[in-house]
Structure formats: C-alpha cells, structure tokens
Amino acid sequence: MAQKIMLVDDEPDITTVIKASLEKEGFEVACCGDGRKAWEDICAFKPDLIVLDVMLPGVDGWSLQKRLAEEPATQGLPVIVITALEPAKALFSKAPQVAAFLSKPFDPKELLEKIRVALQNKV
C-alpha cells in the first residue's frame, strides 16, 4: 500500500509540481490550499506525512502545526515545512514533529529525500 502524503500549500504551480513528483515515486498524494480546511482534510485522508506551507489563507502553517502536535491522533505525524519565509525556520525548529524545513524555491529531489528520511524515522 502506498504511503500517503498530505500537501498543504496555496500555490497551484508548486502543488502541481510536488504532487506529480511524489506520485511518480509511488506516493498517494492529497492536496489542500486552505489552512482552515486542512485540518478536516488531514483527519479524513490520514496521511503518513504532511508537507506544509507557512503562509496559508484561513489558518497559517504554524497554527496548523501546533494543532497537529496537540491532538493525540496526529502527534507523531512528521511535518516538512516549505516556505518563502526564511525567518520562520527558527520558530519551526522548536517543533519536535517538524522533520525538515525547506526554503522556496527548492529542489523537488531534495524534498523527496527529506520525505524518505522522515518516513524512515517515523515512530
């Protein structure tokens, strides 16, 4: 069974590239472009990992990550943060379930490598 990745990003071009790249590697990918709707989608999809943007409409990535960390069903879920907001790295580095942080623009191959490592290290 394919591992499931939830991509939460509001930029369609980035979402399209990441989704295609991950599906090519055999992952099942669901996408959400709205921070407010993301929690609902995460609960329904039950991903093995989340790729999360910081700046989102509705609810920002930091608030969403905090909720993931607080809820028993999602506490162990690894998160990879992708953002154009480089200063956010210091804030997210304190979150234990954040497995990696990538600044936009990034190399999709690097994202794939970070995903594989995070999934291998998942508790």
C-alpha atoms as a PDB file:
ATOM      1  CA  MET A   1       0.000   0.000   0.000  1.00  0.00           C
ATOM      2  CA  ALA A   2       1.328   3.421  -0.956  1.00  0.00           C
ATOM      3  CA  GLN A   3       2.375   5.820   1.775  1.00  0.00           C
ATOM      4  CA  LYS A   4       0.116   8.855   1.967  1.00  0.00           C
ATOM      5  CA  ILE A   5       1.305  12.447   1.888  1.00  0.00           C
ATOM      6  CA  MET A   6      -0.858  15.498   2.538  1.00  0.00           C
ATOM      7  CA  LEU A   7       0.354  18.625   0.756  1.00  0.00           C
ATOM      8  CA  VAL A   8      -0.920  21.874   2.298  1.00  0.00           C
ATOM      9  CA  ASP A   9       0.085  24.784   0.056  1.00  0.00           C
ATOM     10  CA  ASP A  10      -1.943  27.525  -1.630  1.00  0.00           C
ATOM     11  CA  GLU A  11       0.323  27.967  -4.677  1.00  0.00           C
ATOM     12  CA  PRO A  12      -1.110  25.859  -7.545  1.00  0.00           C
ATOM     13  CA  ASP A  13       2.178  25.764  -9.502  1.00  0.00           C
ATOM     14  CA  ILE A  14       4.094  24.381  -6.527  1.00  0.00           C
ATOM     15  CA  THR A  15       1.308  21.955  -5.645  1.00  0.00           C
ATOM     16  CA  THR A  16       1.212  20.591  -9.197  1.00  0.00           C
ATOM     17  CA  VAL A  17       4.978  20.032  -9.356  1.00  0.00           C
ATOM     18  CA  ILE A  18       5.220  18.407  -5.919  1.00  0.00           C
ATOM     19  CA  LYS A  19       2.157  16.210  -6.438  1.00  0.00           C
ATOM     20  CA  ALA A  20       3.390  14.931  -9.814  1.00  0.00           C
ATOM     21  CA  SER A  21       6.884  14.305  -8.453  1.00  0.00           C
ATOM     22  CA  LEU A  22       5.621  12.359  -5.428  1.00  0.00           C
ATOM     23  CA  GLU A  23       3.053  10.332  -7.369  1.00  0.00           C
ATOM     24  CA  LYS A  24       5.786   9.372  -9.835  1.00  0.00           C
ATOM     25  CA  GLU A  25       7.658   7.914  -6.841  1.00  0.00           C
ATOM     26  CA  GLY A  26       4.627   5.857  -5.795  1.00  0.00           C
ATOM     27  CA  PHE A  27       3.151   8.027  -3.039  1.00  0.00           C
ATOM     28  CA  GLU A  28      -0.556   8.715  -2.709  1.00  0.00           C
ATOM     29  CA  VAL A  29      -0.940  12.498  -2.502  1.00  0.00           C
ATOM     30  CA  ALA A  30      -3.834  14.704  -1.397  1.00  0.00           C
ATOM     31  CA  CYS A  31      -3.685  18.498  -1.643  1.00  0.00           C
ATOM     32  CA  CYS A  32      -5.296  21.333   0.263  1.00  0.00           C
ATOM     33  CA  GLY A  33      -4.787  25.034  -0.395  1.00  0.00           C
ATOM     34  CA  ASP A  34      -6.585  26.433   2.640  1.00  0.00           C
ATOM     35  CA  GLY A  35      -5.294  26.315   6.200  1.00  0.00           C
ATOM     36  CA  ARG A  36      -8.798  26.312   7.677  1.00  0.00           C
ATOM     37  CA  LYS A  37      -9.908  23.308   5.589  1.00  0.00           C
ATOM     38  CA  ALA A  38      -6.592  21.466   6.032  1.00  0.00           C
ATOM     39  CA  TRP A  39      -7.417  20.017   9.463  1.00  0.00           C
ATOM     40  CA  GLU A  40     -10.590  18.419   8.101  1.00  0.00           C
ATOM     41  CA  ASP A  41      -8.729  17.026   5.082  1.00  0.00           C
ATOM     42  CA  ILE A  42      -5.903  15.665   7.247  1.00  0.00           C
ATOM     43  CA  CYS A  43      -8.374  13.851   9.507  1.00  0.00           C
ATOM     44  CA  ALA A  44     -10.193  12.358   6.512  1.00  0.00           C
ATOM     45  CA  PHE A  45      -7.077  11.378   4.497  1.00  0.00           C
ATOM     46  CA  LYS A  46      -4.963  10.121   7.438  1.00  0.00           C
ATOM     47  CA  PRO A  47      -1.558  10.827   5.875  1.00  0.00           C
ATOM     48  CA  ASP A  48       1.775   9.331   6.878  1.00  0.00           C
ATOM     49  CA  LEU A  49       3.444  12.741   6.458  1.00  0.00           C
ATOM     50  CA  ILE A  50       2.455  16.370   5.829  1.00  0.00           C
ATOM     51  CA  VAL A  51       4.241  18.869   3.593  1.00  0.00           C
ATOM     52  CA  LEU A  52       3.167  22.236   4.975  1.00  0.00           C
ATOM     53  CA  ASP A  53       3.496  25.810   3.742  1.00  0.00           C
ATOM     54  CA  VAL A  54       3.704  28.584   6.350  1.00  0.00           C
ATOM     55  CA  MET A  55       1.641  31.319   4.694  1.00  0.00           C
ATOM     56  CA  LEU A  56      -1.839  29.964   4.033  1.00  0.00           C
ATOM     57  CA  PRO A  57      -5.289  31.501   3.776  1.00  0.00           C
ATOM     58  CA  GLY A  58      -7.546  30.879   6.763  1.00  0.00           C
ATOM     59  CA  VAL A  59      -5.107  29.381   9.275  1.00  0.00           C
ATOM     60  CA  ASP A  60      -1.324  29.762   8.997  1.00  0.00           C
ATOM     61  CA  GLY A  61       1.078  26.820   8.925  1.00  0.00           C
ATOM     62  CA  TRP A  62       2.402  27.465  12.446  1.00  0.00           C
ATOM     63  CA  SER A  63      -1.088  27.296  13.970  1.00  0.00           C
ATOM     64  CA  LEU A  64      -1.893  24.164  11.993  1.00  0.00           C
ATOM     65  CA  GLN A  65       1.356  22.507  13.101  1.00  0.00           C
ATOM     66  CA  LYS A  66       0.592  23.376  16.733  1.00  0.00           C
ATOM     67  CA  ARG A  67      -2.805  21.702  16.453  1.00  0.00           C
ATOM     68  CA  LEU A  68      -1.206  18.618  14.903  1.00  0.00           C
ATOM     69  CA  ALA A  69       1.199  18.450  17.847  1.00  0.00           C
ATOM     70  CA  GLU A  70      -1.598  18.801  20.416  1.00  0.00           C
ATOM     71  CA  GLU A  71      -4.031  16.224  19.026  1.00  0.00           C
ATOM     72  CA  PRO A  72      -3.301  12.607  20.061  1.00  0.00           C
ATOM     73  CA  ALA A  73      -4.219  11.241  16.610  1.00  0.00           C
ATOM     74  CA  THR A  74      -1.619  13.410  14.838  1.00  0.00           C
ATOM     75  CA  GLN A  75       1.135  13.929  17.433  1.00  0.00           C
ATOM     76  CA  GLY A  76       3.575  11.524  15.785  1.00  0.00           C
ATOM     77  CA  LEU A  77       2.902  12.717  12.255  1.00  0.00           C
ATOM     78  CA  PRO A  78       6.087  14.080  10.643  1.00  0.00           C
ATOM     79  CA  VAL A  79       5.839  17.521   9.043  1.00  0.00           C
ATOM     80  CA  ILE A  80       8.086  19.015   6.389  1.00  0.00           C
ATOM     81  CA  VAL A  81       7.776  22.789   6.200  1.00  0.00           C
ATOM     82  CA  ILE A  82       8.244  24.584   2.882  1.00  0.00           C
ATOM     83  CA  THR A  83       8.135  28.366   2.743  1.00  0.00           C
ATOM     84  CA  ALA A  84       9.455  31.538   1.194  1.00  0.00           C
ATOM     85  CA  LEU A  85       9.523  32.973   4.717  1.00  0.00           C
ATOM     86  CA  GLU A  86      13.069  32.011   5.793  1.00  0.00           C
ATOM     87  CA  PRO A  87      12.824  33.621   9.275  1.00  0.00           C
ATOM     88  CA  ALA A  88      10.101  31.077  10.123  1.00  0.00           C
ATOM     89  CA  LYS A  89      12.807  28.408  10.308  1.00  0.00           C
ATOM     90  CA  ALA A  90      13.778  29.455  13.847  1.00  0.00           C
ATOM     91  CA  LEU A  91      10.192  29.124  15.045  1.00  0.00           C
ATOM     92  CA  PHE A  92       9.549  25.745  13.404  1.00  0.00           C
ATOM     93  CA  SER A  93      12.905  24.308  14.511  1.00  0.00           C
ATOM     94  CA  LYS A  94      11.485  24.194  18.059  1.00  0.00           C
ATOM     95  CA  ALA A  95       8.619  21.907  16.991  1.00  0.00           C
ATOM     96  CA  PRO A  96       9.581  18.256  17.552  1.00  0.00           C
ATOM     97  CA  GLN A  97       7.485  16.809  14.749  1.00  0.00           C
ATOM     98  CA  VAL A  98       8.990  19.107  12.097  1.00  0.00           C
ATOM     99  CA  ALA A  99      11.335  16.724  10.309  1.00  0.00           C
ATOM    100  CA  ALA A 100      12.725  19.251   7.817  1.00  0.00           C
ATOM    101  CA  PHE A 101      12.477  22.843   6.639  1.00  0.00           C
ATOM    102  CA  LEU A 102      12.954  23.864   3.006  1.00  0.00           C
ATOM    103  CA  SER A 103      13.042  27.417   1.679  1.00  0.00           C
ATOM    104  CA  LYS A 104      11.248  28.218  -1.580  1.00  0.00           C
ATOM    105  CA  PRO A 105      12.388  27.827  -4.239  1.00  0.00           C
ATOM    106  CA  PHE A 106      13.638  24.327  -3.512  1.00  0.00           C
ATOM    107  CA  ASP A 107      14.730  21.287  -5.484  1.00  0.00           C
ATOM    108  CA  PRO A 108      11.943  18.657  -5.676  1.00  0.00           C
ATOM    109  CA  LYS A 109      14.626  15.958  -5.392  1.00  0.00           C
ATOM    110  CA  GLU A 110      15.716  17.438  -2.054  1.00  0.00           C
ATOM    111  CA  LEU A 111      12.098  17.404  -0.859  1.00  0.00           C
ATOM    112  CA  LEU A 112      11.765  13.760  -1.880  1.00  0.00           C
ATOM    113  CA  GLU A 113      14.949  12.907   0.040  1.00  0.00           C
ATOM    114  CA  LYS A 114      13.661  14.709   3.168  1.00  0.00           C
ATOM    115  CA  ILE A 115      10.322  12.874   2.876  1.00  0.00           C
ATOM    116  CA  ARG A 116      12.011   9.475   2.645  1.00  0.00           C
ATOM    117  CA  VAL A 117      14.194  10.204   5.682  1.00  0.00           C
ATOM    118  CA  ALA A 118      11.228  11.483   7.710  1.00  0.00           C
ATOM    119  CA  LEU A 119       9.142   8.421   6.856  1.00  0.00           C
ATOM    120  CA  GLN A 120      12.014   6.078   7.810  1.00  0.00           C
ATOM    121  CA  ASN A 121      12.423   7.843  11.156  1.00  0.00           C
ATOM    122  CA  LYS A 122       8.690   7.969  11.909  1.00  0.00           C
ATOM    123  CA  VAL A 123       7.901   6.472  15.284  1.00  0.00           C
END
